[in-house]
């Protein structure tokens, strides 16, 4: 088992659910990124997504888009992000997942990117703009590796769900609604049925994201899923609190308690 699988097993044994939190690498700088990871782990985050900034992040809403733009304008590069992960691994074994757009992987080289992820201690990758039908090559590179390619499932995936989760590792990332990431004021009641359908299609842990920002949001789904993913609310907290570690820890702690 890799760190993701071990974490979900550990939580299951304790009767707990996973809090998965997102951070944009390099916003406001890569040094802060490392410190934010430690702060979130201290506050109770179980798995941490590291977003690799991209110029055209089609799955991201305005909050995360702005964070990526700030990081790119300051010159963030893959080399610095890889070094950041290496530094984190000297101090922490928290499961780490890259949220990365496919163009970044292609430019680096698919096999080289996968090997680098393994080398520095990344446990999973999420590629939001890579359709299942076009992922044959990268899935072949990952076949005998511990690194998990985490599938994204949408409310309209329908009959495709069994295929999308077949052979997957780590966990299943369910998108709460159609559209991009971002804080929402409510969730459709039909979301619960969709999540139950995904749960019935796989033995993997199922986590849901897109729109969850406060404990009340988590309450609506925590009995259905194995984890909740929070992104935009984390970035907004960091930005509005002028990169306050204390404010970040307080938010993550409140979210974890809701699980």
Protein backbone atom coordinates (compact mmCIF):
# COMPACT_ATOMS: atom_id res chain seq x y z
CA UNK A 1 0.00 0.00 0.00
CA UNK A 2 1.16 3.53 -0.68
CA UNK A 3 0.60 6.38 1.78
CA UNK A 4 -2.89 7.17 0.44
CA UNK A 5 -4.09 3.61 0.92
CA UNK A 6 -2.49 3.37 4.34
CA UNK A 7 -4.14 6.62 5.43
CA UNK A 8 -7.63 5.54 4.35
CA UNK A 9 -7.14 2.19 6.11
CA UNK A 10 -5.97 3.94 9.26
CA UNK A 11 -8.99 6.27 9.19
CA UNK A 12 -11.39 3.38 8.55
CA UNK A 13 -10.00 1.52 11.55
CA UNK A 14 -10.70 4.59 13.68
CA UNK A 15 -14.14 5.20 12.20
CA UNK A 16 -13.05 8.50 10.66
CA UNK A 17 -13.29 10.14 7.25
CA UNK A 18 -10.50 11.85 5.31
CA UNK A 19 -10.06 15.58 4.99
CA UNK A 20 -8.22 16.28 1.73
CA UNK A 21 -7.03 19.85 1.26
CA UNK A 22 -5.62 21.69 -1.74
CA UNK A 23 -2.81 24.23 -2.05
CA UNK A 24 -1.47 26.02 -5.13
CA UNK A 25 2.30 25.57 -5.30
CA UNK A 26 4.21 28.85 -5.36
CA UNK A 27 1.45 31.11 -4.03
CA UNK A 28 2.65 33.40 -2.52
CA UNK A 29 6.01 31.61 -2.87
CA UNK A 30 7.36 28.07 -2.69
CA UNK A 31 8.66 28.54 0.86
CA UNK A 32 5.14 29.30 2.04
CA UNK A 33 3.88 26.22 0.20
CA UNK A 34 6.09 23.99 2.34
CA UNK A 35 5.02 25.72 5.55
CA UNK A 36 1.34 25.51 4.58
CA UNK A 37 1.67 21.73 4.12
CA UNK A 38 3.07 21.33 7.63
CA UNK A 39 0.39 23.64 9.06
CA UNK A 40 -2.42 21.71 7.42
CA UNK A 41 -1.05 18.39 8.62
CA UNK A 42 -0.80 19.74 12.18
CA UNK A 43 -4.41 20.91 11.98
CA UNK A 44 -5.72 17.53 10.86
CA UNK A 45 -5.53 17.34 7.05
CA UNK A 46 -5.14 13.68 6.08
CA UNK A 47 -4.12 14.04 2.44
CA UNK A 48 -2.80 17.15 0.70
CA UNK A 49 -3.23 18.06 -2.97
CA UNK A 50 -0.44 20.16 -4.44
CA UNK A 51 -1.69 22.11 -7.43
CA UNK A 52 0.89 22.67 -10.17
CA UNK A 53 0.07 26.09 -11.67
CA UNK A 54 -0.97 26.14 -15.31
CA UNK A 55 -1.86 29.03 -17.61
CA UNK A 56 -5.22 27.58 -18.73
CA UNK A 57 -6.65 25.66 -15.74
CA UNK A 58 -9.99 24.66 -17.22
CA UNK A 59 -11.26 22.79 -14.13
CA UNK A 60 -10.47 25.61 -11.69
CA UNK A 61 -12.72 28.45 -10.60
CA UNK A 62 -11.66 32.09 -10.13
CA UNK A 63 -10.04 31.67 -6.69
CA UNK A 64 -7.66 28.91 -7.74
CA UNK A 65 -7.11 30.49 -11.17
CA UNK A 66 -5.97 33.69 -9.46
CA UNK A 67 -3.60 31.74 -7.21
CA UNK A 68 -2.08 29.97 -10.23
CA UNK A 69 -1.68 33.28 -12.05
CA UNK A 70 0.11 34.81 -9.07
CA UNK A 71 2.46 31.85 -8.84
CA UNK A 72 3.26 31.88 -12.57
CA UNK A 73 3.87 35.62 -12.54
CA UNK A 74 6.43 35.08 -9.80
CA UNK A 75 8.21 32.50 -11.93
CA UNK A 76 7.26 29.21 -10.29
CA UNK A 77 8.80 26.23 -12.07
CA UNK A 78 8.49 22.45 -11.82
CA UNK A 79 12.05 22.22 -10.52
CA UNK A 80 11.15 24.34 -7.50
CA UNK A 81 7.98 22.33 -6.86
CA UNK A 82 9.89 19.05 -6.99
CA UNK A 83 12.46 20.44 -4.56
CA UNK A 84 9.67 21.57 -2.25
CA UNK A 85 8.28 18.02 -2.15
CA UNK A 86 11.74 16.64 -1.43
CA UNK A 87 12.02 19.06 1.49
CA UNK A 88 8.60 18.05 2.81
CA UNK A 89 9.52 14.38 2.68
CA UNK A 90 12.45 15.04 5.04
CA UNK A 91 9.93 16.12 7.69
CA UNK A 92 6.57 14.52 6.89
CA UNK A 93 4.98 11.36 5.54
CA UNK A 94 1.58 12.96 4.87
CA UNK A 95 0.12 11.60 1.60
CA UNK A 96 0.75 14.04 -1.25
CA UNK A 97 -1.11 14.24 -4.56
CA UNK A 98 -0.26 16.40 -7.55
CA UNK A 99 -3.18 18.13 -9.30
CA UNK A 100 -1.57 18.69 -12.68
CA UNK A 101 -2.71 19.53 -16.21
CA UNK A 102 -1.68 17.17 -18.97
CA UNK A 103 0.34 19.69 -20.97
CA UNK A 104 2.74 20.02 -18.04
CA UNK A 105 3.31 16.26 -18.01
CA UNK A 106 3.75 16.04 -21.79
CA UNK A 107 6.30 18.87 -21.80
CA UNK A 108 8.31 17.15 -19.08
CA UNK A 109 7.87 13.70 -20.62
CA UNK A 110 5.23 11.28 -19.35
CA UNK A 111 7.53 8.54 -18.13
CA UNK A 112 10.06 11.03 -16.77
CA UNK A 113 7.32 12.84 -14.84
CA UNK A 114 6.04 9.59 -13.31
CA UNK A 115 9.54 8.50 -12.35
CA UNK A 116 10.23 11.92 -10.80
CA UNK A 117 7.00 11.73 -8.78
CA UNK A 118 8.06 8.35 -7.41
CA UNK A 119 11.57 9.57 -6.69
CA UNK A 120 10.48 12.58 -4.61
CA UNK A 121 7.64 10.85 -2.76
CA UNK A 122 4.40 11.83 -4.50
CA UNK A 123 1.64 9.28 -3.88
CA UNK A 124 -0.92 10.14 -6.54
CA UNK A 125 -1.68 12.35 -9.52
CA UNK A 126 -4.94 13.90 -10.70
CA UNK A 127 -5.09 15.05 -14.32
CA UNK A 128 -8.36 16.95 -14.78
CA UNK A 129 -8.05 17.50 -18.53
CA UNK A 130 -7.06 13.96 -19.55
CA UNK A 131 -10.07 11.91 -20.75
CA UNK A 132 -10.04 8.22 -19.88
CA UNK A 133 -9.89 7.23 -23.56
CA UNK A 134 -6.69 9.25 -24.01
CA UNK A 135 -4.96 8.01 -20.85
CA UNK A 136 -3.88 4.60 -22.23
CA UNK A 137 -0.20 5.50 -22.44
CA UNK A 138 0.14 7.06 -19.01
CA UNK A 139 -1.85 4.21 -17.44
CA UNK A 140 0.56 1.74 -19.04
CA UNK A 141 3.51 3.54 -17.42
CA UNK A 142 1.77 3.37 -14.03
CA UNK A 143 0.71 -0.28 -14.25
CA UNK A 144 3.36 -1.72 -11.90
CA UNK A 145 4.01 1.39 -9.83
CA UNK A 146 2.76 2.53 -6.43
CA UNK A 147 1.90 5.98 -7.82
CA UNK A 148 -1.90 6.27 -8.17
CA UNK A 149 -3.68 7.85 -11.11
CA UNK A 150 -6.79 9.10 -9.33
CA UNK A 151 -9.94 9.04 -11.48
CA UNK A 152 -12.30 12.00 -11.69
CA UNK A 153 -16.00 11.17 -11.77
CA UNK A 154 -18.70 13.71 -12.65
CA UNK A 155 -22.46 13.67 -12.00
CA UNK A 156 -23.04 12.97 -15.70
CA UNK A 157 -20.53 10.08 -15.94
CA UNK A 158 -23.45 7.65 -15.80
CA UNK A 159 -22.74 4.31 -17.48
CA UNK A 160 -19.05 5.21 -17.75
CA UNK A 161 -18.50 5.03 -13.98
CA UNK A 162 -17.54 1.30 -13.81
CA UNK A 163 -14.98 1.81 -16.60
CA UNK A 164 -13.54 4.94 -15.02
CA UNK A 165 -12.93 3.27 -11.66
CA UNK A 166 -11.76 -0.09 -13.04
CA UNK A 167 -8.13 -0.68 -12.09
CA UNK A 168 -7.85 2.67 -10.31
CA UNK A 169 -5.78 3.15 -7.15
CA UNK A 170 -5.70 5.59 -4.26
CA UNK A 171 -9.22 6.97 -4.16
CA UNK A 172 -11.99 8.11 -6.47
CA UNK A 173 -12.44 11.89 -6.82
CA UNK A 174 -16.11 12.72 -7.29
CA UNK A 175 -16.98 16.18 -8.57
CA UNK A 176 -20.02 17.46 -6.66
CA UNK A 177 -21.56 19.29 -9.63
CA UNK A 178 -20.89 20.23 -13.23
CA UNK A 179 -18.62 23.23 -13.68
CA UNK A 180 -15.39 24.44 -12.13
CA UNK A 181 -14.03 24.51 -8.59
CA UNK A 182 -15.27 27.17 -6.21
CA UNK A 183 -17.30 27.90 -3.11
CA UNK A 184 -21.01 27.11 -3.52
CA UNK A 185 -24.05 28.15 -1.53
CA UNK A 186 -25.68 24.71 -1.63
CA UNK A 187 -25.72 21.27 -3.17
CA UNK A 188 -28.38 19.47 -5.16
CA UNK A 189 -30.16 16.63 -3.39
CA UNK A 190 -29.45 14.46 -6.44
CA UNK A 191 -25.75 14.56 -5.54
CA UNK A 192 -26.33 12.01 -2.78
CA UNK A 193 -27.77 9.47 -5.20
CA UNK A 194 -24.87 9.98 -7.58
CA UNK A 195 -22.33 9.46 -4.78
CA UNK A 196 -24.08 6.27 -3.69
CA UNK A 197 -23.88 5.01 -7.28
CA UNK A 198 -20.13 5.60 -7.36
CA UNK A 199 -19.70 3.89 -3.97
CA UNK A 200 -21.55 0.86 -5.30
CA UNK A 201 -19.20 0.68 -8.31
CA UNK A 202 -15.85 0.43 -6.52
CA UNK A 203 -14.09 -0.85 -3.42
CA UNK A 204 -11.85 2.22 -3.43
CA UNK A 205 -12.45 5.07 -0.99
CA UNK A 206 -14.68 7.76 -2.52
CA UNK A 207 -14.03 11.44 -1.86
CA UNK A 208 -16.08 14.40 -3.05
CA UNK A 209 -14.90 17.90 -3.91
CA UNK A 210 -15.81 21.17 -5.69
CA UNK A 211 -17.69 23.64 -3.51
CA UNK A 212 -17.07 22.44 0.04
CA UNK A 213 -15.95 25.35 2.18
CA UNK A 214 -17.40 25.05 5.70
CA UNK A 215 -18.38 22.39 8.26
CA UNK A 216 -22.06 22.64 7.29
CA UNK A 217 -21.22 21.57 3.74
CA UNK A 218 -19.35 18.53 4.99
CA UNK A 219 -22.29 17.51 7.17
CA UNK A 220 -24.41 16.96 4.04
CA UNK A 221 -22.21 14.16 2.67
CA UNK A 222 -19.97 12.76 5.40
CA UNK A 223 -22.18 9.70 5.96
CA UNK A 224 -22.05 8.78 2.26
CA UNK A 225 -18.39 9.25 1.30
CA UNK A 226 -14.95 8.37 2.70
CA UNK A 227 -13.50 11.84 2.36
CA UNK A 228 -14.15 15.47 1.48
CA UNK A 229 -11.88 17.69 -0.62
CA UNK A 230 -11.56 21.41 0.12
CA UNK A 231 -9.66 23.74 -2.19
CA UNK A 232 -10.94 27.25 -2.95
CA UNK A 233 -11.86 27.94 0.69
CA UNK A 234 -8.27 27.12 1.69
CA UNK A 235 -6.80 29.45 -0.94
CA UNK A 236 -9.26 32.21 0.00
CA UNK A 237 -8.36 31.88 3.69
CA UNK A 238 -4.65 32.15 2.94
CA UNK A 239 -5.14 35.15 0.66
CA UNK A 240 -7.53 37.08 2.92
CA UNK A 241 -5.51 36.45 6.08
CA UNK A 242 -2.26 37.66 4.48
CA UNK A 243 -0.75 34.16 4.54
CA UNK A 244 -1.56 33.61 8.23
CA UNK A 245 -0.54 30.14 9.39
CA UNK A 246 -2.84 30.50 12.41
CA UNK A 247 -5.91 31.29 10.28
CA UNK A 248 -5.14 28.34 8.00
CA UNK A 249 -4.78 25.94 10.91
CA UNK A 250 -8.03 27.16 12.46
CA UNK A 251 -9.96 26.60 9.22
CA UNK A 252 -8.52 23.13 8.62
CA UNK A 253 -9.19 22.16 12.23
CA UNK A 254 -12.86 23.20 11.96
CA UNK A 255 -13.27 21.25 8.74
CA UNK A 256 -11.65 18.13 10.19
CA UNK A 257 -13.87 18.23 13.27
CA UNK A 258 -16.92 18.17 11.00
CA UNK A 259 -15.80 14.77 9.73
